[in-house]
Amino acid sequence: MVLPKPMRIKGHRPFYYLHKAGTVFHSQSMVLKVATGKPHLLRPFNSIKKSDSCRCAISISCKVSKKAVIRNRLRRLLHDHLRQRLSSKKEHSNKWALFSLKQSSALKEGMPLLKECDQLLKKAGLY
């Protein structure tokens, strides 16, 4: 499953803002950047819908795996996990989160990667 539209971050301006102003949390196979949301940076049709939960994005480089099938599998796995964890959290509706996967994340599948994601969310105070 993918993230619902109100939970997604789209466009280059929010990504640039997250890279520049986001608070960084590291783990072995991923990096989480969290910042307070700025709705005026979103595309006009995305900013109309008010999100009741944290907005998220996942960035997976070709360095993780050359195969798009593996990168998409990781993305779907994390999207589903984030949708379950963050969709009911109303108190973080003004937060944006960007997950960037490192090369070592291709070696982890399933539960170890999701546990690491939960640890990062707890560090950031989102879960």
C-alpha atoms as a PDB file:
ATOM      1  CA  MET A   1       0.000   0.000   0.000  1.00  0.00           C
ATOM      2  CA  VAL A   2       1.055   3.552  -0.591  1.00  0.00           C
ATOM      3  CA  LEU A   3       0.666   6.518   1.687  1.00  0.00           C
ATOM      4  CA  PRO A   4      -2.659   8.351   1.457  1.00  0.00           C
ATOM      5  CA  LYS A   5      -2.423  11.608  -0.494  1.00  0.00           C
ATOM      6  CA  PRO A   6      -2.774  13.867   2.569  1.00  0.00           C
ATOM      7  CA  MET A   7       0.263  12.128   4.112  1.00  0.00           C
ATOM      8  CA  ARG A   8       2.568  12.535   1.099  1.00  0.00           C
ATOM      9  CA  ILE A   9       5.200  15.168   0.417  1.00  0.00           C
ATOM     10  CA  LYS A  10       5.518  16.109  -3.245  1.00  0.00           C
ATOM     11  CA  GLY A  11       7.668  18.597  -5.118  1.00  0.00           C
ATOM     12  CA  HIS A  12      11.271  19.724  -4.826  1.00  0.00           C
ATOM     13  CA  ARG A  13      10.727  22.685  -2.474  1.00  0.00           C
ATOM     14  CA  PRO A  14       9.630  20.607   0.553  1.00  0.00           C
ATOM     15  CA  PHE A  15      12.559  18.218  -0.011  1.00  0.00           C
ATOM     16  CA  TYR A  16      15.008  21.113  -0.179  1.00  0.00           C
ATOM     17  CA  TYR A  17      13.488  22.585   2.995  1.00  0.00           C
ATOM     18  CA  LEU A  18      13.746  19.241   4.830  1.00  0.00           C
ATOM     19  CA  HIS A  19      17.384  18.794   3.808  1.00  0.00           C
ATOM     20  CA  LYS A  20      18.259  22.327   4.873  1.00  0.00           C
ATOM     21  CA  ALA A  21      16.204  22.854   8.052  1.00  0.00           C
ATOM     22  CA  GLY A  22      15.370  19.341   9.217  1.00  0.00           C
ATOM     23  CA  THR A  23      16.592  17.785  12.429  1.00  0.00           C
ATOM     24  CA  VAL A  24      18.609  14.678  11.568  1.00  0.00           C
ATOM     25  CA  PHE A  25      18.305  11.289  13.280  1.00  0.00           C
ATOM     26  CA  HIS A  26      20.681   8.492  12.213  1.00  0.00           C
ATOM     27  CA  SER A  27      20.497   4.735  12.409  1.00  0.00           C
ATOM     28  CA  GLN A  28      22.483   1.942  10.823  1.00  0.00           C
ATOM     29  CA  SER A  29      20.541   1.729   7.572  1.00  0.00           C
ATOM     30  CA  MET A  30      18.474   4.926   7.330  1.00  0.00           C
ATOM     31  CA  VAL A  31      18.390   8.631   8.103  1.00  0.00           C
ATOM     32  CA  LEU A  32      15.301  10.524   9.271  1.00  0.00           C
ATOM     33  CA  LYS A  33      14.958  14.271   8.810  1.00  0.00           C
ATOM     34  CA  VAL A  34      12.075  15.965  10.614  1.00  0.00           C
ATOM     35  CA  ALA A  35      10.963  19.582  10.334  1.00  0.00           C
ATOM     36  CA  THR A  36       7.921  21.681  11.079  1.00  0.00           C
ATOM     37  CA  GLY A  37       5.718  21.739   7.998  1.00  0.00           C
ATOM     38  CA  LYS A  38       5.367  24.793   5.792  1.00  0.00           C
ATOM     39  CA  PRO A  39       2.211  24.343   3.668  1.00  0.00           C
ATOM     40  CA  HIS A  40       3.099  27.219   1.325  1.00  0.00           C
ATOM     41  CA  LEU A  41       5.987  25.102  -0.022  1.00  0.00           C
ATOM     42  CA  LEU A  42       3.625  22.368  -1.220  1.00  0.00           C
ATOM     43  CA  ARG A  43       2.159  22.338  -4.681  1.00  0.00           C
ATOM     44  CA  PRO A  44      -1.132  24.276  -4.787  1.00  0.00           C
ATOM     45  CA  PHE A  45      -3.378  21.227  -5.229  1.00  0.00           C
ATOM     46  CA  ASN A  46      -1.655  19.426  -2.307  1.00  0.00           C
ATOM     47  CA  SER A  47      -1.867  22.310   0.139  1.00  0.00           C
ATOM     48  CA  ILE A  48      -5.668  22.518  -0.147  1.00  0.00           C
ATOM     49  CA  LYS A  49      -6.126  19.188   1.653  1.00  0.00           C
ATOM     50  CA  LYS A  50      -5.419  19.630   5.341  1.00  0.00           C
ATOM     51  CA  SER A  51      -3.507  16.667   6.663  1.00  0.00           C
ATOM     52  CA  ASP A  52      -4.562  15.196  10.017  1.00  0.00           C
ATOM     53  CA  SER A  53      -1.246  13.385  10.397  1.00  0.00           C
ATOM     54  CA  CYS A  54       2.446  13.757   9.730  1.00  0.00           C
ATOM     55  CA  ARG A  55       3.478  14.140   6.066  1.00  0.00           C
ATOM     56  CA  CYS A  56       6.159  11.659   4.965  1.00  0.00           C
ATOM     57  CA  ALA A  57       8.461  10.907   2.058  1.00  0.00           C
ATOM     58  CA  ILE A  58      10.936   8.114   1.406  1.00  0.00           C
ATOM     59  CA  SER A  59      14.079   8.571  -0.644  1.00  0.00           C
ATOM     60  CA  ILE A  60      15.858   5.455  -1.925  1.00  0.00           C
ATOM     61  CA  SER A  61      18.982   5.967  -3.999  1.00  0.00           C
ATOM     62  CA  CYS A  62      20.190   3.705  -6.796  1.00  0.00           C
ATOM     63  CA  LYS A  63      23.159   3.011  -4.513  1.00  0.00           C
ATOM     64  CA  VAL A  64      20.832   0.936  -2.322  1.00  0.00           C
ATOM     65  CA  SER A  65      20.102  -1.389  -5.224  1.00  0.00           C
ATOM     66  CA  LYS A  66      20.419  -1.101  -8.966  1.00  0.00           C
ATOM     67  CA  LYS A  67      17.171  -3.045  -9.336  1.00  0.00           C
ATOM     68  CA  ALA A  68      14.014  -0.948  -9.219  1.00  0.00           C
ATOM     69  CA  VAL A  69      12.066  -3.996  -8.040  1.00  0.00           C
ATOM     70  CA  ILE A  70      14.025  -4.082  -4.783  1.00  0.00           C
ATOM     71  CA  ARG A  71      13.822  -0.304  -4.271  1.00  0.00           C
ATOM     72  CA  ASN A  72      10.055  -0.347  -4.858  1.00  0.00           C
ATOM     73  CA  ARG A  73       9.621  -3.297  -2.481  1.00  0.00           C
ATOM     74  CA  LEU A  74      11.437  -1.347   0.257  1.00  0.00           C
ATOM     75  CA  ARG A  75       9.369   1.759  -0.477  1.00  0.00           C
ATOM     76  CA  ARG A  76       6.068  -0.147  -0.311  1.00  0.00           C
ATOM     77  CA  LEU A  77       7.121  -1.846   2.920  1.00  0.00           C
ATOM     78  CA  LEU A  78       7.973   1.480   4.583  1.00  0.00           C
ATOM     79  CA  HIS A  79       4.897   3.273   3.181  1.00  0.00           C
ATOM     80  CA  ASP A  80       2.609   0.642   4.655  1.00  0.00           C
ATOM     81  CA  HIS A  81       4.428   0.755   7.997  1.00  0.00           C
ATOM     82  CA  LEU A  82       4.309   4.566   8.191  1.00  0.00           C
ATOM     83  CA  ARG A  83       0.633   4.619   7.218  1.00  0.00           C
ATOM     84  CA  GLN A  84      -0.188   2.255  10.096  1.00  0.00           C
ATOM     85  CA  ARG A  85       1.998   4.091  12.624  1.00  0.00           C
ATOM     86  CA  LEU A  86       1.348   7.752  11.824  1.00  0.00           C
ATOM     87  CA  SER A  87      -2.162   7.989  10.367  1.00  0.00           C
ATOM     88  CA  SER A  88      -3.807   8.154  13.800  1.00  0.00           C
ATOM     89  CA  LYS A  89      -1.345  10.660  15.328  1.00  0.00           C
ATOM     90  CA  LYS A  90      -3.221  13.975  15.175  1.00  0.00           C
ATOM     91  CA  GLU A  91      -0.733  15.824  17.406  1.00  0.00           C
ATOM     92  CA  HIS A  92       1.968  15.688  14.694  1.00  0.00           C
ATOM     93  CA  SER A  93      -0.122  17.153  11.883  1.00  0.00           C
ATOM     94  CA  ASN A  94       2.341  20.018  11.378  1.00  0.00           C
ATOM     95  CA  LYS A  95       5.439  17.779  11.046  1.00  0.00           C
ATOM     96  CA  TRP A  96       7.181  16.618   7.879  1.00  0.00           C
ATOM     97  CA  ALA A  97       9.455  13.570   7.812  1.00  0.00           C
ATOM     98  CA  LEU A  98      11.924  12.403   5.168  1.00  0.00           C
ATOM     99  CA  PHE A  99      13.393   8.905   5.330  1.00  0.00           C
ATOM    100  CA  SER A 100      16.581   8.338   3.318  1.00  0.00           C
ATOM    101  CA  LEU A 101      17.757   4.757   3.066  1.00  0.00           C
ATOM    102  CA  LYS A 102      21.450   3.880   3.156  1.00  0.00           C
ATOM    103  CA  GLN A 103      23.172   1.127   1.187  1.00  0.00           C
ATOM    104  CA  SER A 104      23.030  -1.296   4.092  1.00  0.00           C
ATOM    105  CA  SER A 105      19.212  -1.236   4.035  1.00  0.00           C
ATOM    106  CA  ALA A 106      19.144  -3.514   0.967  1.00  0.00           C
ATOM    107  CA  LEU A 107      20.551  -6.316   3.107  1.00  0.00           C
ATOM    108  CA  LYS A 108      17.733  -5.979   5.644  1.00  0.00           C
ATOM    109  CA  GLU A 109      14.276  -7.171   4.762  1.00  0.00           C
ATOM    110  CA  GLY A 110      11.076  -6.959   6.740  1.00  0.00           C
ATOM    111  CA  MET A 111      11.091  -6.799  10.510  1.00  0.00           C
ATOM    112  CA  PRO A 112      14.669  -5.583  11.195  1.00  0.00           C
ATOM    113  CA  LEU A 113      14.127  -2.608   8.890  1.00  0.00           C
ATOM    114  CA  LEU A 114      10.731  -1.815  10.424  1.00  0.00           C
ATOM    115  CA  LYS A 115      12.129  -2.026  13.966  1.00  0.00           C
ATOM    116  CA  GLU A 116      14.839   0.417  12.973  1.00  0.00           C
ATOM    117  CA  CYS A 117      12.190   2.721  11.515  1.00  0.00           C
ATOM    118  CA  ASP A 118      10.259   2.585  14.806  1.00  0.00           C
ATOM    119  CA  GLN A 119      13.431   3.425  16.750  1.00  0.00           C
ATOM    120  CA  LEU A 120      13.991   6.495  14.570  1.00  0.00           C
ATOM    121  CA  LEU A 121      10.377   7.586  14.988  1.00  0.00           C
ATOM    122  CA  LYS A 122      10.751   7.292  18.775  1.00  0.00           C
ATOM    123  CA  LYS A 123      14.001   9.301  18.683  1.00  0.00           C
ATOM    124  CA  ALA A 124      12.222  12.013  16.732  1.00  0.00           C
ATOM    125  CA  GLY A 125       9.212  11.963  19.051  1.00  0.00           C
ATOM    126  CA  LEU A 126       6.762  11.023  16.313  1.00  0.00           C
ATOM    127  CA  TYR A 127       5.743   7.627  17.730  1.00  0.00           C
END
